Amino acid sequence: MAPKFSSEQEKYIWLNENTNYGSSFHAKGVLDHILSLQMHSVCDVGTGRGTFCRWAAANGCEIVYGVDFAIDPRPPSEEIKYIKAFSHDIPLPDGAIEYVTSFDMLEHVLEEDVVPTLEEFSRLATKGWIFSIAYWQSVGYQENVGDLHPTVKGKDWWYDKISKYGEVNFHDKYWLVTL
């Protein structure tokens, strides 16, 4: 049985301190499309250990931010600006970057924070968002922290929320929103 945590954030702090959680590279299937965009600036929200941020910096992106509310990047990088923050309250100025990326993170956001998170994505990005969403309950770490996906909803539910911010296109399992 999972220990009791007083907040969602505490679950991820426990995972940060006790596991290698956040190391997956969920963006693998959309890298060719991302390269075609010739991004100059990106903010990866829910970056975990910073795998996508390192890839973006190594592939020509000049300004790279990684945002996570609990997981620390490993290894840290001087060329990437890591910010510890909630997805709905990122301390960057309006229009600070071209693209927001977020791979298998939105299902981790509490339902009441989904719209504020999407508003934050819209506030930050000047060109668009690229992300993926898991539509199922989490399966890893259940015994340690319980469920990690508080907002498991179908594609139509997510489309209704997301389509208010721009033109939505799908590429395999990835969402592309053009502002």
Foldseek 3Di string as FASTA:
>chain_A
DADDDPDLQVLLQCCQVPHQPQPDDQCVVCVVVVLVVQFQEEEEESNAQPPVQVVCVVSRHQAYEYEDQHHHHVPDDPSYHYDRDDLLDDPDAFQQGAEYEYEQCLQQDAPVCNLSNLVSRLRHHDFWYKYAHDQDWDDPCCRHHNTRGNRRDDPVVVCVSNVVRADWDDDPRMIIGTD
